[in-house]
Amino acid sequence: MTAYKTTIPTDISVANVTNKFASRFFNILGLNILTYIVTIIAMIFFVIPGIYVAIVLSLGASIIVFENSNPIDAFGRAFTLIKGKWWSTFGLLVVISIIGYIINFFFGLPRGIVLGIDMFTSLDATGSIEGTQMENSSDQVLNVLFSVFETFGSILSYSLIYMALAFQYFNLVERRESKGLMSKIEQMDNQSDEESDEQY
């Protein structure tokens, strides 16, 4: 999304995205550490302040990425942007988390079925498990493949959460600062100036 703002879509590549992420990696890592510390401290006093702070700071990564900010500035900026919109952000995270859970469930289902069948076939007459599970090499290969498949599902669900937070970030910025509207007004002013220059 950041590359799309500054680069022609056809020129966007994995290397381009990786470089942009790498330049902000340590700021995002610092924000995550700061978020963890602040949330734990808030939880010590009461659970609700901890939840409140965690939802507010969930916008921090988007602020760092799109505004090229540092963790401390992103911390304060998150509280400014979310003011009056905490519940909508909370609701968005709840909905996306449910969707992510469903995605994780379906991606983890094949591995769960294989493990269940293996455990069921390992039971002896007394109901105890005989030998070790996943002794067969084909079972081990299936377990590895399904584990990779399940990991892919987890990555996909996390990506959805970050995408939703990015859209929420743009929504809050637009509501509070009307950046899109101001950009259009500036474009109109520039066009009118160019037209007046052409007339003269």
N, C-alpha and C. Protein backbone atom coordinates (compact mmCIF):
# COMPACT_ATOMS: atom_id res chain seq x y z
N MET A 1 0.84 -1.21 0.00
CA MET A 1 0.00 0.00 0.00
C MET A 1 0.87 1.26 0.00
N THR A 2 1.98 1.21 0.73
CA THR A 2 2.90 2.35 0.73
C THR A 2 3.56 2.52 -0.63
N ALA A 3 3.98 1.42 -1.22
CA ALA A 3 4.62 1.47 -2.53
C ALA A 3 3.64 1.99 -3.59
N TYR A 4 2.37 1.64 -3.43
CA TYR A 4 1.36 2.06 -4.40
C TYR A 4 1.19 3.58 -4.42
N LYS A 5 1.45 4.22 -3.27
CA LYS A 5 1.31 5.67 -3.18
C LYS A 5 2.42 6.40 -3.92
N THR A 6 3.59 5.79 -4.00
CA THR A 6 4.76 6.48 -4.55
C THR A 6 5.33 5.86 -5.82
N THR A 7 4.82 4.67 -6.18
CA THR A 7 5.39 3.94 -7.31
C THR A 7 4.28 3.55 -8.29
N ILE A 8 4.62 3.56 -9.57
CA ILE A 8 3.68 3.09 -10.58
C ILE A 8 3.38 1.62 -10.32
N PRO A 9 2.10 1.22 -10.32
CA PRO A 9 1.74 -0.17 -9.96
C PRO A 9 2.54 -1.23 -10.71
N THR A 10 2.81 -0.98 -11.99
CA THR A 10 3.55 -1.99 -12.78
C THR A 10 5.01 -2.10 -12.34
N ASP A 11 5.52 -1.08 -11.63
CA ASP A 11 6.92 -1.10 -11.18
C ASP A 11 7.08 -1.66 -9.78
N ILE A 12 5.97 -1.97 -9.10
CA ILE A 12 6.05 -2.50 -7.74
C ILE A 12 6.52 -3.95 -7.79
N SER A 13 7.54 -4.25 -7.02
CA SER A 13 8.09 -5.61 -6.98
C SER A 13 8.28 -6.03 -5.53
N VAL A 14 8.61 -7.31 -5.33
CA VAL A 14 8.85 -7.83 -3.99
C VAL A 14 10.04 -7.10 -3.36
N ALA A 15 11.08 -6.85 -4.16
CA ALA A 15 12.26 -6.15 -3.65
C ALA A 15 11.90 -4.74 -3.20
N ASN A 16 11.03 -4.08 -3.96
CA ASN A 16 10.61 -2.72 -3.62
C ASN A 16 9.88 -2.70 -2.29
N VAL A 17 8.97 -3.64 -2.10
CA VAL A 17 8.19 -3.72 -0.85
C VAL A 17 9.10 -4.10 0.31
N THR A 18 10.01 -5.04 0.07
CA THR A 18 10.94 -5.49 1.11
C THR A 18 11.82 -4.35 1.60
N ASN A 19 12.32 -3.54 0.67
CA ASN A 19 13.17 -2.41 1.04
C ASN A 19 12.41 -1.40 1.89
N LYS A 20 11.16 -1.13 1.51
CA LYS A 20 10.35 -0.18 2.27
C LYS A 20 10.07 -0.70 3.68
N PHE A 21 9.81 -2.01 3.78
CA PHE A 21 9.55 -2.61 5.09
C PHE A 21 10.82 -2.61 5.94
N ALA A 22 11.96 -2.94 5.31
CA ALA A 22 13.22 -3.02 6.05
C ALA A 22 13.59 -1.68 6.68
N SER A 23 13.26 -0.58 5.98
CA SER A 23 13.60 0.74 6.49
C SER A 23 12.78 1.13 7.71
N ARG A 24 11.67 0.41 7.93
CA ARG A 24 10.79 0.73 9.06
C ARG A 24 10.73 -0.40 10.08
N PHE A 25 11.50 -1.46 9.84
CA PHE A 25 11.41 -2.66 10.68
C PHE A 25 11.71 -2.36 12.15
N PHE A 26 12.81 -1.66 12.42
CA PHE A 26 13.21 -1.43 13.80
C PHE A 26 12.24 -0.48 14.51
N ASN A 27 11.66 0.46 13.77
CA ASN A 27 10.64 1.34 14.38
C ASN A 27 9.40 0.53 14.77
N ILE A 28 9.00 -0.40 13.89
CA ILE A 28 7.84 -1.24 14.20
C ILE A 28 8.15 -2.16 15.37
N LEU A 29 9.37 -2.72 15.39
CA LEU A 29 9.79 -3.57 16.51
C LEU A 29 9.79 -2.79 17.82
N GLY A 30 10.32 -1.56 17.78
CA GLY A 30 10.33 -0.72 18.98
C GLY A 30 8.94 -0.40 19.45
N LEU A 31 8.02 -0.14 18.50
CA LEU A 31 6.63 0.13 18.86
C LEU A 31 5.98 -1.08 19.50
N ASN A 32 6.25 -2.27 18.96
CA ASN A 32 5.67 -3.50 19.53
C ASN A 32 6.15 -3.73 20.96
N ILE A 33 7.43 -3.47 21.20
CA ILE A 33 7.97 -3.61 22.56
C ILE A 33 7.31 -2.59 23.49
N LEU A 34 7.20 -1.35 23.02
CA LEU A 34 6.57 -0.29 23.81
C LEU A 34 5.10 -0.62 24.08
N THR A 35 4.41 -1.11 23.06
CA THR A 35 3.00 -1.49 23.22
C THR A 35 2.84 -2.59 24.26
N TYR A 36 3.72 -3.58 24.20
CA TYR A 36 3.68 -4.70 25.15
C TYR A 36 3.87 -4.21 26.57
N ILE A 37 4.86 -3.34 26.78
CA ILE A 37 5.16 -2.84 28.13
C ILE A 37 4.00 -2.02 28.67
N VAL A 38 3.51 -1.08 27.85
CA VAL A 38 2.42 -0.20 28.28
C VAL A 38 1.15 -0.99 28.56
N THR A 39 0.84 -1.98 27.69
CA THR A 39 -0.37 -2.79 27.88
C THR A 39 -0.28 -3.61 29.16
N ILE A 40 0.89 -4.20 29.44
CA ILE A 40 1.07 -4.99 30.66
C ILE A 40 0.90 -4.10 31.90
N ILE A 41 1.49 -2.90 31.85
CA ILE A 41 1.35 -1.96 32.98
C ILE A 41 -0.11 -1.59 33.19
N ALA A 42 -0.82 -1.32 32.07
CA ALA A 42 -2.24 -0.96 32.17
C ALA A 42 -3.06 -2.14 32.69
N MET A 43 -2.70 -3.36 32.32
CA MET A 43 -3.42 -4.54 32.78
C MET A 43 -3.23 -4.75 34.29
N ILE A 44 -2.09 -4.34 34.81
CA ILE A 44 -1.82 -4.48 36.25
C ILE A 44 -2.86 -3.70 37.06
N PHE A 45 -3.19 -2.50 36.56
CA PHE A 45 -4.15 -1.67 37.28
C PHE A 45 -5.58 -2.20 37.09
N PHE A 46 -5.90 -2.57 35.86
CA PHE A 46 -7.23 -3.13 35.60
C PHE A 46 -7.23 -3.65 34.16
N VAL A 47 -8.09 -4.61 33.87
CA VAL A 47 -8.10 -5.23 32.54
C VAL A 47 -8.54 -4.26 31.46
N ILE A 48 -9.59 -3.47 31.76
CA ILE A 48 -10.17 -2.58 30.75
C ILE A 48 -9.17 -1.54 30.23
N PRO A 49 -8.39 -0.87 31.09
CA PRO A 49 -7.38 0.06 30.54
C PRO A 49 -6.38 -0.64 29.63
N GLY A 50 -6.04 -1.88 29.94
CA GLY A 50 -5.11 -2.64 29.09
C GLY A 50 -5.69 -2.89 27.71
N ILE A 51 -6.97 -3.26 27.67
CA ILE A 51 -7.64 -3.48 26.38
C ILE A 51 -7.72 -2.18 25.60
N TYR A 52 -8.07 -1.10 26.30
CA TYR A 52 -8.19 0.20 25.65
C TYR A 52 -6.87 0.60 24.99
N VAL A 53 -5.78 0.50 25.74
CA VAL A 53 -4.47 0.89 25.23
C VAL A 53 -4.06 -0.01 24.06
N ALA A 54 -4.32 -1.32 24.18
CA ALA A 54 -3.94 -2.25 23.12
C ALA A 54 -4.65 -1.92 21.80
N ILE A 55 -5.94 -1.56 21.88
CA ILE A 55 -6.69 -1.20 20.66
C ILE A 55 -6.15 0.09 20.07
N VAL A 56 -5.87 1.07 20.91
CA VAL A 56 -5.33 2.36 20.43
C VAL A 56 -4.00 2.13 19.71
N LEU A 57 -3.11 1.40 20.34
CA LEU A 57 -1.76 1.22 19.78
C LEU A 57 -1.72 0.23 18.63
N SER A 58 -2.84 -0.43 18.34
CA SER A 58 -2.87 -1.31 17.17
C SER A 58 -2.72 -0.51 15.88
N LEU A 59 -2.99 0.80 15.94
CA LEU A 59 -2.82 1.67 14.78
C LEU A 59 -1.37 2.10 14.58
N GLY A 60 -0.52 1.82 15.56
CA GLY A 60 0.85 2.31 15.54
C GLY A 60 1.65 1.87 14.34
N ALA A 61 1.51 0.59 13.95
CA ALA A 61 2.28 0.09 12.80
C ALA A 61 1.91 0.83 11.52
N SER A 62 0.62 1.09 11.34
CA SER A 62 0.17 1.82 10.15
C SER A 62 0.72 3.25 10.15
N ILE A 63 0.75 3.87 11.32
CA ILE A 63 1.28 5.24 11.43
C ILE A 63 2.76 5.26 11.06
N ILE A 64 3.52 4.29 11.57
CA ILE A 64 4.95 4.23 11.26
C ILE A 64 5.17 3.99 9.77
N VAL A 65 4.39 3.09 9.18
CA VAL A 65 4.59 2.74 7.78
C VAL A 65 4.20 3.90 6.86
N PHE A 66 3.04 4.49 7.08
CA PHE A 66 2.53 5.48 6.14
C PHE A 66 3.05 6.90 6.41
N GLU A 67 3.45 7.17 7.65
CA GLU A 67 3.95 8.50 7.97
C GLU A 67 5.45 8.51 8.25
N ASN A 68 6.08 7.34 8.14
CA ASN A 68 7.52 7.19 8.40
C ASN A 68 7.88 7.81 9.76
N SER A 69 7.09 7.44 10.75
CA SER A 69 7.23 8.01 12.09
C SER A 69 8.09 7.10 12.97
N ASN A 70 8.47 7.61 14.14
CA ASN A 70 9.20 6.79 15.12
C ASN A 70 8.21 6.29 16.18
N PRO A 71 8.59 5.31 16.99
CA PRO A 71 7.65 4.72 17.96
C PRO A 71 7.02 5.71 18.92
N ILE A 72 7.80 6.68 19.41
CA ILE A 72 7.26 7.64 20.39
C ILE A 72 6.21 8.53 19.74
N ASP A 73 6.51 9.06 18.54
CA ASP A 73 5.54 9.90 17.84
C ASP A 73 4.30 9.10 17.44
N ALA A 74 4.51 7.85 17.03
CA ALA A 74 3.37 7.00 16.65
C ALA A 74 2.47 6.73 17.84
N PHE A 75 3.08 6.61 19.02
CA PHE A 75 2.34 6.38 20.26
C PHE A 75 1.34 7.51 20.49
N GLY A 76 1.82 8.75 20.45
CA GLY A 76 0.94 9.89 20.67
C GLY A 76 -0.04 10.09 19.54
N ARG A 77 0.42 9.85 18.31
CA ARG A 77 -0.44 10.03 17.13
C ARG A 77 -1.63 9.07 17.17
N ALA A 78 -1.40 7.85 17.64
CA ALA A 78 -2.48 6.85 17.71
C ALA A 78 -3.60 7.34 18.63
N PHE A 79 -3.25 7.91 19.77
CA PHE A 79 -4.26 8.42 20.69
C PHE A 79 -5.03 9.59 20.08
N THR A 80 -4.34 10.40 19.28
CA THR A 80 -4.99 11.54 18.63
C THR A 80 -5.98 11.07 17.57
N LEU A 81 -5.57 10.12 16.74
CA LEU A 81 -6.41 9.66 15.64
C LEU A 81 -7.65 8.91 16.11
N ILE A 82 -7.48 8.09 17.15
CA ILE A 82 -8.56 7.19 17.55
C ILE A 82 -9.60 7.89 18.44
N LYS A 83 -9.33 9.11 18.81
CA LYS A 83 -10.23 9.84 19.71
C LYS A 83 -11.65 9.89 19.12
N GLY A 84 -12.60 9.36 19.86
CA GLY A 84 -13.99 9.33 19.41
C GLY A 84 -14.31 8.16 18.50
N LYS A 85 -13.31 7.37 18.12
CA LYS A 85 -13.54 6.25 17.20
C LYS A 85 -12.97 4.95 17.77
N TRP A 86 -12.85 4.89 19.09
CA TRP A 86 -12.28 3.68 19.69
C TRP A 86 -13.19 2.48 19.48
N TRP A 87 -14.49 2.65 19.65
CA TRP A 87 -15.41 1.53 19.55
C TRP A 87 -15.47 0.98 18.14
N SER A 88 -15.42 1.85 17.13
CA SER A 88 -15.45 1.36 15.74
C SER A 88 -14.18 0.58 15.43
N THR A 89 -13.04 1.04 15.96
CA THR A 89 -11.78 0.31 15.76
C THR A 89 -11.83 -1.03 16.48
N PHE A 90 -12.36 -1.03 17.69
CA PHE A 90 -12.51 -2.27 18.46
C PHE A 90 -13.42 -3.25 17.72
N GLY A 91 -14.54 -2.76 17.22
CA GLY A 91 -15.48 -3.61 16.48
C GLY A 91 -14.84 -4.19 15.22
N LEU A 92 -14.07 -3.36 14.52
CA LEU A 92 -13.37 -3.83 13.32
C LEU A 92 -12.42 -4.96 13.66
N LEU A 93 -11.65 -4.79 14.74
CA LEU A 93 -10.69 -5.82 15.15
C LEU A 93 -11.39 -7.11 15.56
N VAL A 94 -12.54 -6.98 16.23
CA VAL A 94 -13.29 -8.17 16.63
C VAL A 94 -13.76 -8.95 15.41
N VAL A 95 -14.34 -8.23 14.44
CA VAL A 95 -14.85 -8.88 13.22
C VAL A 95 -13.71 -9.54 12.44
N ILE A 96 -12.62 -8.80 12.24
CA ILE A 96 -11.48 -9.34 11.49
C ILE A 96 -10.85 -10.51 12.22
N SER A 97 -10.80 -10.45 13.56
CA SER A 97 -10.25 -11.56 14.34
C SER A 97 -11.09 -12.82 14.19
N ILE A 98 -12.41 -12.65 14.15
CA ILE A 98 -13.31 -13.80 13.94
C ILE A 98 -13.07 -14.41 12.56
N ILE A 99 -12.96 -13.53 11.55
CA ILE A 99 -12.68 -14.01 10.18
C ILE A 99 -11.33 -14.73 10.15
N GLY A 100 -10.33 -14.15 10.82
CA GLY A 100 -9.01 -14.77 10.88
C GLY A 100 -9.05 -16.13 11.57
N TYR A 101 -9.85 -16.23 12.63
CA TYR A 101 -9.99 -17.51 13.34
C TYR A 101 -10.60 -18.56 12.43
N ILE A 102 -11.61 -18.17 11.65
CA ILE A 102 -12.25 -19.11 10.73
C ILE A 102 -11.25 -19.57 9.66
N ILE A 103 -10.46 -18.61 9.15
CA ILE A 103 -9.44 -18.97 8.16
C ILE A 103 -8.43 -19.93 8.75
N ASN A 104 -7.96 -19.62 9.96
CA ASN A 104 -7.01 -20.51 10.64
C ASN A 104 -7.59 -21.90 10.87
N PHE A 105 -8.87 -21.93 11.22
CA PHE A 105 -9.53 -23.22 11.47
C PHE A 105 -9.52 -24.09 10.22
N PHE A 106 -9.89 -23.51 9.08
CA PHE A 106 -9.95 -24.29 7.84
C PHE A 106 -8.56 -24.70 7.37
N PHE A 107 -7.57 -23.81 7.55
CA PHE A 107 -6.21 -24.17 7.16
C PHE A 107 -5.60 -25.21 8.09
N GLY A 108 -6.04 -25.24 9.35
CA GLY A 108 -5.52 -26.22 10.30
C GLY A 108 -6.30 -27.52 10.32
N LEU A 109 -7.46 -27.53 9.65
CA LEU A 109 -8.32 -28.71 9.67
C LEU A 109 -7.65 -29.96 9.08
N PRO A 110 -6.99 -29.88 7.92
CA PRO A 110 -6.36 -31.11 7.36
C PRO A 110 -5.35 -31.74 8.32
N ARG A 111 -4.51 -30.92 8.95
CA ARG A 111 -3.52 -31.46 9.89
C ARG A 111 -4.21 -32.08 11.10
N GLY A 112 -5.27 -31.43 11.59
CA GLY A 112 -6.02 -31.98 12.72
C GLY A 112 -6.64 -33.32 12.39
N ILE A 113 -7.15 -33.45 11.15
CA ILE A 113 -7.76 -34.72 10.74
C ILE A 113 -6.71 -35.83 10.68
N VAL A 114 -5.54 -35.50 10.10
CA VAL A 114 -4.46 -36.50 10.01
C VAL A 114 -4.01 -36.94 11.40
N LEU A 115 -3.83 -35.96 12.31
CA LEU A 115 -3.41 -36.30 13.67
C LEU A 115 -4.48 -37.13 14.38
N GLY A 116 -5.74 -36.79 14.15
CA GLY A 116 -6.84 -37.54 14.78
C GLY A 116 -6.90 -38.98 14.29
N ILE A 117 -6.75 -39.16 12.97
CA ILE A 117 -6.77 -40.51 12.41
C ILE A 117 -5.59 -41.32 12.92
N ASP A 118 -4.41 -40.68 12.97
CA ASP A 118 -3.21 -41.36 13.45
C ASP A 118 -3.36 -41.79 14.91
N MET A 119 -3.93 -40.89 15.72
CA MET A 119 -4.12 -41.22 17.14
C MET A 119 -5.15 -42.34 17.29
N PHE A 120 -6.22 -42.29 16.47
CA PHE A 120 -7.27 -43.30 16.56
C PHE A 120 -6.74 -44.68 16.17
N THR A 121 -5.92 -44.73 15.11
CA THR A 121 -5.38 -46.01 14.66
C THR A 121 -4.27 -46.52 15.58
N SER A 122 -3.75 -45.65 16.47
CA SER A 122 -2.69 -46.07 17.40
C SER A 122 -3.24 -46.66 18.69
N LEU A 123 -4.56 -46.59 18.88
CA LEU A 123 -5.16 -47.12 20.10
C LEU A 123 -5.17 -48.65 20.08
N ASP A 124 -4.82 -49.23 21.22
CA ASP A 124 -4.92 -50.68 21.31
C ASP A 124 -6.26 -51.07 21.94
N ALA A 125 -6.42 -52.31 22.25
CA ALA A 125 -7.72 -52.80 22.76
C ALA A 125 -8.08 -52.18 24.10
N THR A 126 -7.11 -51.81 24.90
CA THR A 126 -7.39 -51.24 26.22
C THR A 126 -7.65 -49.74 26.16
N GLY A 127 -7.47 -49.14 24.98
CA GLY A 127 -7.71 -47.71 24.85
C GLY A 127 -6.49 -46.86 25.03
N SER A 128 -5.34 -47.47 25.28
CA SER A 128 -4.10 -46.71 25.42
C SER A 128 -3.38 -46.64 24.08
N ILE A 129 -2.56 -45.61 23.94
CA ILE A 129 -1.85 -45.41 22.67
C ILE A 129 -0.60 -46.26 22.68
N GLU A 130 -0.45 -47.08 21.64
CA GLU A 130 0.72 -47.94 21.56
C GLU A 130 1.73 -47.35 20.58
N GLY A 131 2.99 -47.37 20.97
CA GLY A 131 4.04 -46.84 20.11
C GLY A 131 3.98 -45.33 20.05
N THR A 132 4.72 -44.76 19.13
CA THR A 132 4.75 -43.32 18.95
C THR A 132 3.90 -42.94 17.76
N GLN A 133 3.36 -41.75 17.81
CA GLN A 133 2.54 -41.26 16.71
C GLN A 133 3.43 -40.84 15.56
N MET A 134 2.87 -40.80 14.38
CA MET A 134 3.55 -40.33 13.18
C MET A 134 4.85 -41.13 12.91
N GLU A 135 4.77 -42.47 13.16
CA GLU A 135 5.97 -43.27 12.91
C GLU A 135 6.18 -43.49 11.42
N ASN A 136 5.10 -43.58 10.65
CA ASN A 136 5.16 -43.81 9.22
C ASN A 136 5.75 -42.58 8.53
N SER A 137 6.67 -42.82 7.58
CA SER A 137 7.32 -41.69 6.89
C SER A 137 6.31 -40.89 6.07
N SER A 138 5.32 -41.56 5.49
CA SER A 138 4.31 -40.84 4.71
C SER A 138 3.48 -39.94 5.62
N ASP A 139 3.21 -40.42 6.84
CA ASP A 139 2.48 -39.60 7.81
C ASP A 139 3.29 -38.38 8.21
N GLN A 140 4.59 -38.57 8.35
CA GLN A 140 5.46 -37.46 8.71
C GLN A 140 5.49 -36.40 7.61
N VAL A 141 5.54 -36.86 6.36
CA VAL A 141 5.53 -35.93 5.22
C VAL A 141 4.23 -35.16 5.19
N LEU A 142 3.12 -35.86 5.38
CA LEU A 142 1.81 -35.20 5.41
C LEU A 142 1.74 -34.18 6.54
N ASN A 143 2.29 -34.55 7.70
CA ASN A 143 2.27 -33.65 8.84
C ASN A 143 3.05 -32.37 8.54
N VAL A 144 4.20 -32.52 7.89
CA VAL A 144 5.01 -31.35 7.53
C VAL A 144 4.28 -30.48 6.52
N LEU A 145 3.70 -31.11 5.50
CA LEU A 145 3.00 -30.35 4.46
C LEU A 145 1.81 -29.60 5.03
N PHE A 146 1.04 -30.28 5.87
CA PHE A 146 -0.12 -29.63 6.47
C PHE A 146 0.27 -28.56 7.48
N SER A 147 1.43 -28.73 8.13
CA SER A 147 1.94 -27.70 9.04
C SER A 147 2.29 -26.43 8.26
N VAL A 148 2.93 -26.62 7.10
CA VAL A 148 3.25 -25.48 6.23
C VAL A 148 1.96 -24.81 5.76
N PHE A 149 0.98 -25.63 5.39
CA PHE A 149 -0.32 -25.12 4.95
C PHE A 149 -0.99 -24.31 6.06
N GLU A 150 -0.92 -24.83 7.29
CA GLU A 150 -1.50 -24.14 8.44
C GLU A 150 -0.78 -22.83 8.73
N THR A 151 0.54 -22.84 8.59
CA THR A 151 1.33 -21.62 8.79
C THR A 151 0.96 -20.55 7.77
N PHE A 152 0.75 -20.99 6.53
CA PHE A 152 0.31 -20.05 5.48
C PHE A 152 -1.02 -19.40 5.85
N GLY A 153 -1.93 -20.20 6.41
CA GLY A 153 -3.22 -19.67 6.85
C GLY A 153 -3.06 -18.64 7.95
N SER A 154 -2.13 -18.89 8.89
CA SER A 154 -1.87 -17.93 9.97
C SER A 154 -1.33 -16.61 9.42
N ILE A 155 -0.40 -16.71 8.47
CA ILE A 155 0.16 -15.51 7.84
C ILE A 155 -0.93 -14.73 7.12
N LEU A 156 -1.81 -15.45 6.43
CA LEU A 156 -2.91 -14.80 5.71
C LEU A 156 -3.84 -14.07 6.66
N SER A 157 -4.17 -14.70 7.80
CA SER A 157 -5.07 -14.06 8.76
C SER A 157 -4.44 -12.83 9.39
N TYR A 158 -3.13 -12.91 9.69
CA TYR A 158 -2.43 -11.74 10.22
C TYR A 158 -2.40 -10.61 9.19
N SER A 159 -2.22 -10.97 7.92
CA SER A 159 -2.21 -9.96 6.86
C SER A 159 -3.54 -9.24 6.77
N LEU A 160 -4.63 -10.00 6.94
CA LEU A 160 -5.96 -9.38 6.91
C LEU A 160 -6.12 -8.36 8.03
N ILE A 161 -5.61 -8.70 9.22
CA ILE A 161 -5.72 -7.78 10.36
C ILE A 161 -4.97 -6.49 10.08
N TYR A 162 -3.74 -6.61 9.56
CA TYR A 162 -2.94 -5.42 9.28
C TYR A 162 -3.54 -4.59 8.14
N MET A 163 -4.14 -5.26 7.15
CA MET A 163 -4.80 -4.53 6.07
C MET A 163 -6.01 -3.76 6.59
N ALA A 164 -6.79 -4.42 7.46
CA ALA A 164 -7.96 -3.76 8.04
C ALA A 164 -7.55 -2.55 8.86
N LEU A 165 -6.47 -2.68 9.64
CA LEU A 165 -5.98 -1.56 10.44
C LEU A 165 -5.46 -0.43 9.56
N ALA A 166 -4.86 -0.79 8.42
CA ALA A 166 -4.38 0.24 7.49
C ALA A 166 -5.55 1.03 6.93
N PHE A 167 -6.63 0.35 6.54
CA PHE A 167 -7.81 1.04 6.03
C PHE A 167 -8.46 1.90 7.12
N GLN A 168 -8.47 1.37 8.35
CA GLN A 168 -8.99 2.15 9.46
C GLN A 168 -8.15 3.40 9.70
N TYR A 169 -6.83 3.26 9.57
CA TYR A 169 -5.93 4.41 9.71
C TYR A 169 -6.30 5.49 8.70
N PHE A 170 -6.46 5.12 7.43
CA PHE A 170 -6.81 6.10 6.40
C PHE A 170 -8.19 6.70 6.67
N ASN A 171 -9.10 5.88 7.17
CA ASN A 171 -10.43 6.37 7.51
C ASN A 171 -10.35 7.44 8.60
N LEU A 172 -9.58 7.16 9.65
CA LEU A 172 -9.46 8.11 10.77
C LEU A 172 -8.73 9.38 10.35
N VAL A 173 -7.70 9.24 9.54
CA VAL A 173 -6.96 10.42 9.06
C VAL A 173 -7.88 11.30 8.21
N GLU A 174 -8.66 10.66 7.35
CA GLU A 174 -9.57 11.41 6.48
C GLU A 174 -10.64 12.13 7.29
N ARG A 175 -11.18 11.45 8.30
CA ARG A 175 -12.21 12.07 9.13
C ARG A 175 -11.67 13.23 9.95
N ARG A 176 -10.45 13.07 10.43
CA ARG A 176 -9.89 14.08 11.32
C ARG A 176 -9.20 15.22 10.57
N GLU A 177 -8.54 14.88 9.45
CA GLU A 177 -7.72 15.89 8.78
C GLU A 177 -8.15 16.16 7.35
N SER A 178 -9.05 15.34 6.80
CA SER A 178 -9.54 15.52 5.43
C SER A 178 -8.40 15.67 4.43
N LYS A 179 -7.41 14.80 4.53
CA LYS A 179 -6.26 14.91 3.64
C LYS A 179 -6.63 14.69 2.18
N GLY A 180 -7.54 13.74 1.93
CA GLY A 180 -7.95 13.50 0.55
C GLY A 180 -8.65 14.70 -0.04
N LEU A 181 -9.55 15.32 0.76
CA LEU A 181 -10.26 16.50 0.29
C LEU A 181 -9.31 17.65 0.04
N MET A 182 -8.35 17.86 0.97
CA MET A 182 -7.39 18.95 0.80
C MET A 182 -6.52 18.71 -0.43
N SER A 183 -6.18 17.48 -0.70
CA SER A 183 -5.38 17.16 -1.88
C SER A 183 -6.14 17.50 -3.16
N LYS A 184 -7.45 17.17 -3.17
CA LYS A 184 -8.26 17.49 -4.35
C LYS A 184 -8.38 19.00 -4.54
N ILE A 185 -8.54 19.74 -3.42
CA ILE A 185 -8.64 21.20 -3.50
C ILE A 185 -7.34 21.79 -4.05
N GLU A 186 -6.21 21.26 -3.57
CA GLU A 186 -4.91 21.74 -4.06
C GLU A 186 -4.75 21.46 -5.54
N GLN A 187 -5.21 20.29 -6.00
CA GLN A 187 -5.14 19.97 -7.42
C GLN A 187 -6.00 20.92 -8.24
N MET A 188 -7.19 21.26 -7.72
CA MET A 188 -8.06 22.20 -8.41
C MET A 188 -7.41 23.57 -8.49
N ASP A 189 -6.75 23.99 -7.40
CA ASP A 189 -6.05 25.29 -7.39
C ASP A 189 -4.92 25.30 -8.40
N ASN A 190 -4.18 24.21 -8.48
CA ASN A 190 -3.07 24.13 -9.42
C ASN A 190 -3.56 24.17 -10.86
N GLN A 191 -4.70 23.48 -11.11
CA GLN A 191 -5.26 23.48 -12.46
C GLN A 191 -5.73 24.87 -12.85
N SER A 192 -6.38 25.56 -11.90
CA SER A 192 -6.86 26.91 -12.19
C SER A 192 -5.70 27.88 -12.43
N ASP A 193 -4.59 27.69 -11.68
CA ASP A 193 -3.41 28.53 -11.88
C ASP A 193 -2.79 28.30 -13.24
N GLU A 194 -2.74 27.01 -13.64
CA GLU A 194 -2.18 26.69 -14.95
C GLU A 194 -3.03 27.26 -16.08
N GLU A 195 -4.37 27.18 -15.90
CA GLU A 195 -5.25 27.72 -16.92
C GLU A 195 -5.11 29.24 -17.03
N SER A 196 -4.98 29.92 -15.89
CA SER A 196 -4.81 31.37 -15.92
C SER A 196 -3.49 31.76 -16.55
N ASP A 197 -2.44 30.96 -16.29
CA ASP A 197 -1.13 31.23 -16.91
C ASP A 197 -1.18 31.06 -18.41
N GLU A 198 -1.95 30.05 -18.86
CA GLU A 198 -2.07 29.83 -20.30
C GLU A 198 -2.82 30.97 -20.97
N GLN A 199 -3.81 31.53 -20.27
CA GLN A 199 -4.56 32.64 -20.83
C GLN A 199 -3.69 33.89 -21.02
N TYR A 200 -2.77 34.13 -20.06
CA TYR A 200 -1.89 35.28 -20.14
C TYR A 200 -0.72 35.02 -21.10
